[in-house]
Amino acid sequence: MADKSDVTTHTVKQAVAAKVEDHIEIAIEAEDGTKLKLRASAEQIDDLLGDLELILDGDDAEAEAAE
């Protein structure tokens, strides 16, 4: 990813995804009203989902350890 000084962080208000021709589009609206659309290949989405699953699995393991 680019230098972190070039990145603006927004909190997601809502997001929707759709398959459009040969790619996937994710439309995002931030709480401050900023709107953007991301285009990604199916492979990029699979990679992202893999990362998210690892994060969520880690959160589940931490919650179980705390019980």
PDB file of N, CA and C in Angstrom:
ATOM      1  N   MET A   1       0.845  -1.172   0.000  1.00  0.00           N
ATOM      2  CA  MET A   1       0.000   0.000   0.000  1.00  0.00           C
ATOM      3  C   MET A   1       0.890   1.234   0.000  1.00  0.00           C
ATOM      4  N   ALA A   2       0.324   2.334  -0.401  1.00  0.00           N
ATOM      5  CA  ALA A   2       1.067   3.593  -0.472  1.00  0.00           C
ATOM      6  C   ALA A   2       1.494   4.041   0.921  1.00  0.00           C
ATOM      7  N   ASP A   3       2.368   5.015   0.950  1.00  0.00           N
ATOM      8  CA  ASP A   3       2.814   5.613   2.204  1.00  0.00           C
ATOM      9  C   ASP A   3       1.588   6.005   3.035  1.00  0.00           C
ATOM     10  N   LYS A   4       1.577   5.639   4.297  1.00  0.00           N
ATOM     11  CA  LYS A   4       0.413   5.882   5.149  1.00  0.00           C
ATOM     12  C   LYS A   4       0.089   7.364   5.297  1.00  0.00           C
ATOM     13  N   SER A   5       1.023   8.245   5.035  1.00  0.00           N
ATOM     14  CA  SER A   5       0.728   9.668   5.115  1.00  0.00           C
ATOM     15  C   SER A   5      -0.207  10.103   3.988  1.00  0.00           C
ATOM     16  N   ASP A   6      -0.345   9.254   2.952  1.00  0.00           N
ATOM     17  CA  ASP A   6      -1.228   9.563   1.828  1.00  0.00           C
ATOM     18  C   ASP A   6      -2.625   8.977   2.004  1.00  0.00           C
ATOM     19  N   VAL A   7      -2.911   8.372   3.167  1.00  0.00           N
ATOM     20  CA  VAL A   7      -4.166   7.653   3.370  1.00  0.00           C
ATOM     21  C   VAL A   7      -5.075   8.434   4.306  1.00  0.00           C
ATOM     22  N   THR A   8      -6.340   8.554   3.943  1.00  0.00           N
ATOM     23  CA  THR A   8      -7.349   9.169   4.795  1.00  0.00           C
ATOM     24  C   THR A   8      -8.250   8.060   5.314  1.00  0.00           C
ATOM     25  N   THR A   9      -8.512   8.051   6.609  1.00  0.00           N
ATOM     26  CA  THR A   9      -9.354   7.033   7.217  1.00  0.00           C
ATOM     27  C   THR A   9     -10.775   7.559   7.358  1.00  0.00           C
ATOM     28  N   HIS A  10     -11.741   6.743   6.943  1.00  0.00           N
ATOM     29  CA  HIS A  10     -13.157   7.064   7.067  1.00  0.00           C
ATOM     30  C   HIS A  10     -13.855   5.904   7.766  1.00  0.00           C
ATOM     31  N   THR A  11     -14.928   6.190   8.482  1.00  0.00           N
ATOM     32  CA  THR A  11     -15.751   5.153   9.086  1.00  0.00           C
ATOM     33  C   THR A  11     -16.905   4.854   8.145  1.00  0.00           C
ATOM     34  N   VAL A  12     -17.094   3.585   7.832  1.00  0.00           N
ATOM     35  CA  VAL A  12     -18.118   3.174   6.870  1.00  0.00           C
ATOM     36  C   VAL A  12     -19.512   3.347   7.464  1.00  0.00           C
ATOM     37  N   LYS A  13     -20.379   4.018   6.712  1.00  0.00           N
ATOM     38  CA  LYS A  13     -21.791   4.132   7.068  1.00  0.00           C
ATOM     39  C   LYS A  13     -22.544   2.972   6.419  1.00  0.00           C
ATOM     40  N   GLN A  14     -22.276   2.745   5.141  1.00  0.00           N
ATOM     41  CA  GLN A  14     -22.874   1.613   4.439  1.00  0.00           C
ATOM     42  C   GLN A  14     -22.012   1.239   3.248  1.00  0.00           C
ATOM     43  N   ALA A  15     -22.127  -0.021   2.856  1.00  0.00           N
ATOM     44  CA  ALA A  15     -21.377  -0.508   1.700  1.00  0.00           C
ATOM     45  C   ALA A  15     -22.213  -1.575   0.999  1.00  0.00           C
ATOM     46  N   VAL A  16     -22.171  -1.559  -0.311  1.00  0.00           N
ATOM     47  CA  VAL A  16     -22.863  -2.570  -1.118  1.00  0.00           C
ATOM     48  C   VAL A  16     -21.913  -3.031  -2.218  1.00  0.00           C
ATOM     49  N   ALA A  17     -22.116  -4.262  -2.658  1.00  0.00           N
ATOM     50  CA  ALA A  17     -21.263  -4.826  -3.703  1.00  0.00           C
ATOM     51  C   ALA A  17     -22.131  -5.384  -4.822  1.00  0.00           C
ATOM     52  N   ALA A  18     -21.584  -5.361  -6.042  1.00  0.00           N
ATOM     53  CA  ALA A  18     -22.282  -5.914  -7.202  1.00  0.00           C
ATOM     54  C   ALA A  18     -21.273  -6.416  -8.220  1.00  0.00           C
ATOM     55  N   LYS A  19     -21.638  -7.466  -8.927  1.00  0.00           N
ATOM     56  CA  LYS A  19     -20.805  -7.958 -10.027  1.00  0.00           C
ATOM     57  C   LYS A  19     -21.198  -7.168 -11.268  1.00  0.00           C
ATOM     58  N   VAL A  20     -20.218  -6.581 -11.916  1.00  0.00           N
ATOM     59  CA  VAL A  20     -20.439  -5.786 -13.122  1.00  0.00           C
ATOM     60  C   VAL A  20     -19.481  -6.298 -14.184  1.00  0.00           C
ATOM     61  N   GLU A  21     -20.043  -6.929 -15.211  1.00  0.00           N
ATOM     62  CA  GLU A  21     -19.252  -7.529 -16.278  1.00  0.00           C
ATOM     63  C   GLU A  21     -18.200  -8.466 -15.690  1.00  0.00           C
ATOM     64  N   ASP A  22     -16.915  -8.143 -15.845  1.00  0.00           N
ATOM     65  CA  ASP A  22     -15.855  -9.051 -15.403  1.00  0.00           C
ATOM     66  C   ASP A  22     -15.205  -8.647 -14.079  1.00  0.00           C
ATOM     67  N   HIS A  23     -15.824  -7.730 -13.343  1.00  0.00           N
ATOM     68  CA  HIS A  23     -15.243  -7.291 -12.070  1.00  0.00           C
ATOM     69  C   HIS A  23     -16.342  -7.101 -11.021  1.00  0.00           C
ATOM     70  N   ILE A  24     -15.930  -6.804  -9.818  1.00  0.00           N
ATOM     71  CA  ILE A  24     -16.845  -6.545  -8.716  1.00  0.00           C
ATOM     72  C   ILE A  24     -16.673  -5.090  -8.302  1.00  0.00           C
ATOM     73  N   GLU A  25     -17.787  -4.416  -8.085  1.00  0.00           N
ATOM     74  CA  GLU A  25     -17.751  -3.032  -7.624  1.00  0.00           C
ATOM     75  C   GLU A  25     -18.304  -2.967  -6.213  1.00  0.00           C
ATOM     76  N   ILE A  26     -17.609  -2.232  -5.363  1.00  0.00           N
ATOM     77  CA  ILE A  26     -18.053  -2.005  -3.991  1.00  0.00           C
ATOM     78  C   ILE A  26     -18.262  -0.503  -3.837  1.00  0.00           C
ATOM     79  N   ALA A  27     -19.503  -0.113  -3.560  1.00  0.00           N
ATOM     80  CA  ALA A  27     -19.828   1.296  -3.338  1.00  0.00           C
ATOM     81  C   ALA A  27     -19.867   1.524  -1.834  1.00  0.00           C
ATOM     82  N   ILE A  28     -19.169   2.558  -1.383  1.00  0.00           N
ATOM     83  CA  ILE A  28     -19.045   2.840   0.046  1.00  0.00           C
ATOM     84  C   ILE A  28     -19.446   4.282   0.310  1.00  0.00           C
ATOM     85  N   GLU A  29     -20.232   4.464   1.369  1.00  0.00           N
ATOM     86  CA  GLU A  29     -20.530   5.800   1.868  1.00  0.00           C
ATOM     87  C   GLU A  29     -19.991   5.869   3.293  1.00  0.00           C
ATOM     88  N   ALA A  30     -19.189   6.889   3.559  1.00  0.00           N
ATOM     89  CA  ALA A  30     -18.630   7.082   4.901  1.00  0.00           C
ATOM     90  C   ALA A  30     -19.583   7.926   5.740  1.00  0.00           C
ATOM     91  N   GLU A  31     -19.383   7.876   7.040  1.00  0.00           N
ATOM     92  CA  GLU A  31     -20.241   8.649   7.946  1.00  0.00           C
ATOM     93  C   GLU A  31     -20.185  10.147   7.674  1.00  0.00           C
ATOM     94  N   ASP A  32     -19.067  10.634   7.133  1.00  0.00           N
ATOM     95  CA  ASP A  32     -18.954  12.069   6.840  1.00  0.00           C
ATOM     96  C   ASP A  32     -19.529  12.434   5.474  1.00  0.00           C
ATOM     97  N   GLY A  33     -20.140  11.445   4.791  1.00  0.00           N
ATOM     98  CA  GLY A  33     -20.763  11.699   3.493  1.00  0.00           C
ATOM     99  C   GLY A  33     -19.865  11.412   2.304  1.00  0.00           C
ATOM    100  N   THR A  34     -18.596  11.130   2.526  1.00  0.00           N
ATOM    101  CA  THR A  34     -17.689  10.787   1.445  1.00  0.00           C
ATOM    102  C   THR A  34     -18.187   9.514   0.766  1.00  0.00           C
ATOM    103  N   LYS A  35     -18.207   9.513  -0.562  1.00  0.00           N
ATOM    104  CA  LYS A  35     -18.637   8.341  -1.319  1.00  0.00           C
ATOM    105  C   LYS A  35     -17.522   7.928  -2.265  1.00  0.00           C
ATOM    106  N   LEU A  36     -17.338   6.615  -2.390  1.00  0.00           N
ATOM    107  CA  LEU A  36     -16.365   6.119  -3.350  1.00  0.00           C
ATOM    108  C   LEU A  36     -16.802   4.761  -3.861  1.00  0.00           C
ATOM    109  N   LYS A  37     -16.272   4.403  -5.010  1.00  0.00           N
ATOM    110  CA  LYS A  37     -16.559   3.110  -5.609  1.00  0.00           C
ATOM    111  C   LYS A  37     -15.231   2.427  -5.898  1.00  0.00           C
ATOM    112  N   LEU A  38     -15.126   1.176  -5.481  1.00  0.00           N
ATOM    113  CA  LEU A  38     -13.932   0.386  -5.715  1.00  0.00           C
ATOM    114  C   LEU A  38     -14.238  -0.668  -6.765  1.00  0.00           C
ATOM    115  N   ARG A  39     -13.299  -0.905  -7.657  1.00  0.00           N
ATOM    116  CA  ARG A  39     -13.407  -1.990  -8.632  1.00  0.00           C
ATOM    117  C   ARG A  39     -12.330  -3.001  -8.295  1.00  0.00           C
ATOM    118  N   ALA A  40     -12.705  -4.285  -8.290  1.00  0.00           N
ATOM    119  CA  ALA A  40     -11.740  -5.328  -7.951  1.00  0.00           C
ATOM    120  C   ALA A  40     -12.048  -6.580  -8.760  1.00  0.00           C
ATOM    121  N   SER A  41     -11.009  -7.367  -8.972  1.00  0.00           N
ATOM    122  CA  SER A  41     -11.202  -8.660  -9.622  1.00  0.00           C
ATOM    123  C   SER A  41     -11.699  -9.648  -8.571  1.00  0.00           C
ATOM    124  N   ALA A  42     -12.242 -10.757  -9.032  1.00  0.00           N
ATOM    125  CA  ALA A  42     -12.684 -11.802  -8.112  1.00  0.00           C
ATOM    126  C   ALA A  42     -11.514 -12.289  -7.263  1.00  0.00           C
ATOM    127  N   GLU A  43     -10.333 -12.369  -7.845  1.00  0.00           N
ATOM    128  CA  GLU A  43      -9.146 -12.804  -7.100  1.00  0.00           C
ATOM    129  C   GLU A  43      -8.809 -11.814  -5.981  1.00  0.00           C
ATOM    130  N   GLN A  44      -8.905 -10.524  -6.261  1.00  0.00           N
ATOM    131  CA  GLN A  44      -8.625  -9.519  -5.234  1.00  0.00           C
ATOM    132  C   GLN A  44      -9.640  -9.613  -4.092  1.00  0.00           C
ATOM    133  N   ILE A  45     -10.905  -9.854  -4.424  1.00  0.00           N
ATOM    134  CA  ILE A  45     -11.932  -9.995  -3.396  1.00  0.00           C
ATOM    135  C   ILE A  45     -11.667 -11.245  -2.563  1.00  0.00           C
ATOM    136  N   ASP A  46     -11.284 -12.352  -3.216  1.00  0.00           N
ATOM    137  CA  ASP A  46     -10.939 -13.578  -2.479  1.00  0.00           C
ATOM    138  C   ASP A  46      -9.796 -13.329  -1.505  1.00  0.00           C
ATOM    139  N   ASP A  47      -8.770 -12.598  -1.936  1.00  0.00           N
ATOM    140  CA  ASP A  47      -7.640 -12.278  -1.061  1.00  0.00           C
ATOM    141  C   ASP A  47      -8.095 -11.438   0.132  1.00  0.00           C
ATOM    142  N   LEU A  48      -8.947 -10.452  -0.139  1.00  0.00           N
ATOM    143  CA  LEU A  48      -9.464  -9.600   0.926  1.00  0.00           C
ATOM    144  C   LEU A  48     -10.293 -10.414   1.913  1.00  0.00           C
ATOM    145  N   LEU A  49     -11.157 -11.291   1.406  1.00  0.00           N
ATOM    146  CA  LEU A  49     -11.968 -12.126   2.281  1.00  0.00           C
ATOM    147  C   LEU A  49     -11.097 -13.031   3.153  1.00  0.00           C
ATOM    148  N   GLY A  50     -10.022 -13.554   2.578  1.00  0.00           N
ATOM    149  CA  GLY A  50      -9.091 -14.364   3.356  1.00  0.00           C
ATOM    150  C   GLY A  50      -8.498 -13.575   4.507  1.00  0.00           C
ATOM    151  N   ASP A  51      -8.088 -12.332   4.240  1.00  0.00           N
ATOM    152  CA  ASP A  51      -7.542 -11.467   5.290  1.00  0.00           C
ATOM    153  C   ASP A  51      -8.586 -11.198   6.374  1.00  0.00           C
ATOM    154  N   LEU A  52      -9.819 -10.909   5.954  1.00  0.00           N
ATOM    155  CA  LEU A  52     -10.878 -10.611   6.915  1.00  0.00           C
ATOM    156  C   LEU A  52     -11.216 -11.831   7.767  1.00  0.00           C
ATOM    157  N   GLU A  53     -11.226 -13.014   7.162  1.00  0.00           N
ATOM    158  CA  GLU A  53     -11.501 -14.234   7.921  1.00  0.00           C
ATOM    159  C   GLU A  53     -10.431 -14.467   8.981  1.00  0.00           C
ATOM    160  N   LEU A  54      -9.169 -14.218   8.645  1.00  0.00           N
ATOM    161  CA  LEU A  54      -8.096 -14.356   9.630  1.00  0.00           C
ATOM    162  C   LEU A  54      -8.284 -13.385  10.796  1.00  0.00           C
ATOM    163  N   ILE A  55      -8.666 -12.168  10.484  1.00  0.00           N
ATOM    164  CA  ILE A  55      -8.897 -11.166  11.526  1.00  0.00           C
ATOM    165  C   ILE A  55     -10.055 -11.598  12.425  1.00  0.00           C
ATOM    166  N   LEU A  56     -11.160 -12.012  11.817  1.00  0.00           N
ATOM    167  CA  LEU A  56     -12.329 -12.417  12.593  1.00  0.00           C
ATOM    168  C   LEU A  56     -12.058 -13.681  13.397  1.00  0.00           C
ATOM    169  N   ASP A  57     -11.323 -14.631  12.834  1.00  0.00           N
ATOM    170  CA  ASP A  57     -10.961 -15.842  13.571  1.00  0.00           C
ATOM    171  C   ASP A  57     -10.098 -15.493  14.775  1.00  0.00           C
ATOM    172  N   GLY A  58      -9.207 -14.532  14.615  1.00  0.00           N
ATOM    173  CA  GLY A  58      -8.375 -14.081  15.728  1.00  0.00           C
ATOM    174  C   GLY A  58      -9.214 -13.442  16.817  1.00  0.00           C
ATOM    175  N   ASP A  59     -10.218 -12.648  16.428  1.00  0.00           N
ATOM    176  CA  ASP A  59     -11.120 -12.030  17.400  1.00  0.00           C
ATOM    177  C   ASP A  59     -11.902 -13.099  18.152  1.00  0.00           C
ATOM    178  N   ASP A  60     -12.365 -14.153  17.441  1.00  0.00           N
ATOM    179  CA  ASP A  60     -13.099 -15.248  18.079  1.00  0.00           C
ATOM    180  C   ASP A  60     -12.222 -15.967  19.085  1.00  0.00           C
ATOM    181  N   ALA A  61     -10.967 -16.212  18.732  1.00  0.00           N
ATOM    182  CA  ALA A  61     -10.040 -16.909  19.627  1.00  0.00           C
ATOM    183  C   ALA A  61      -9.782 -16.081  20.879  1.00  0.00           C
ATOM    184  N   GLU A  62      -9.646 -14.762  20.714  1.00  0.00           N
ATOM    185  CA  GLU A  62      -9.442 -13.892  21.875  1.00  0.00           C
ATOM    186  C   GLU A  62     -10.659 -13.889  22.786  1.00  0.00           C
ATOM    187  N   ALA A  63     -11.854 -13.877  22.201  1.00  0.00           N
ATOM    188  CA  ALA A  63     -13.091 -13.882  22.998  1.00  0.00           C
ATOM    189  C   ALA A  63     -13.225 -15.188  23.776  1.00  0.00           C
ATOM    190  N   GLU A  64     -12.888 -16.304  23.137  1.00  0.00           N
ATOM    191  CA  GLU A  64     -12.966 -17.605  23.810  1.00  0.00           C
ATOM    192  C   GLU A  64     -11.950 -17.682  24.941  1.00  0.00           C
ATOM    193  N   ALA A  65     -10.769 -17.132  24.748  1.00  0.00           N
ATOM    194  CA  ALA A  65      -9.734 -17.168  25.776  1.00  0.00           C
ATOM    195  C   ALA A  65     -10.136 -16.322  26.984  1.00  0.00           C
ATOM    196  N   ALA A  66     -10.924 -15.290  26.744  1.00  0.00           N
ATOM    197  CA  ALA A  66     -11.345 -14.400  27.830  1.00  0.00           C
ATOM    198  C   ALA A  66     -12.451 -15.016  28.676  1.00  0.00           C
ATOM    199  N   GLU A  67     -13.130 -16.042  28.169  1.00  0.00           N
ATOM    200  CA  GLU A  67     -14.254 -16.647  28.906  1.00  0.00           C
ATOM    201  C   GLU A  67     -13.818 -17.505  30.029  1.00  0.00           C
TER     202      GLU A  67
END
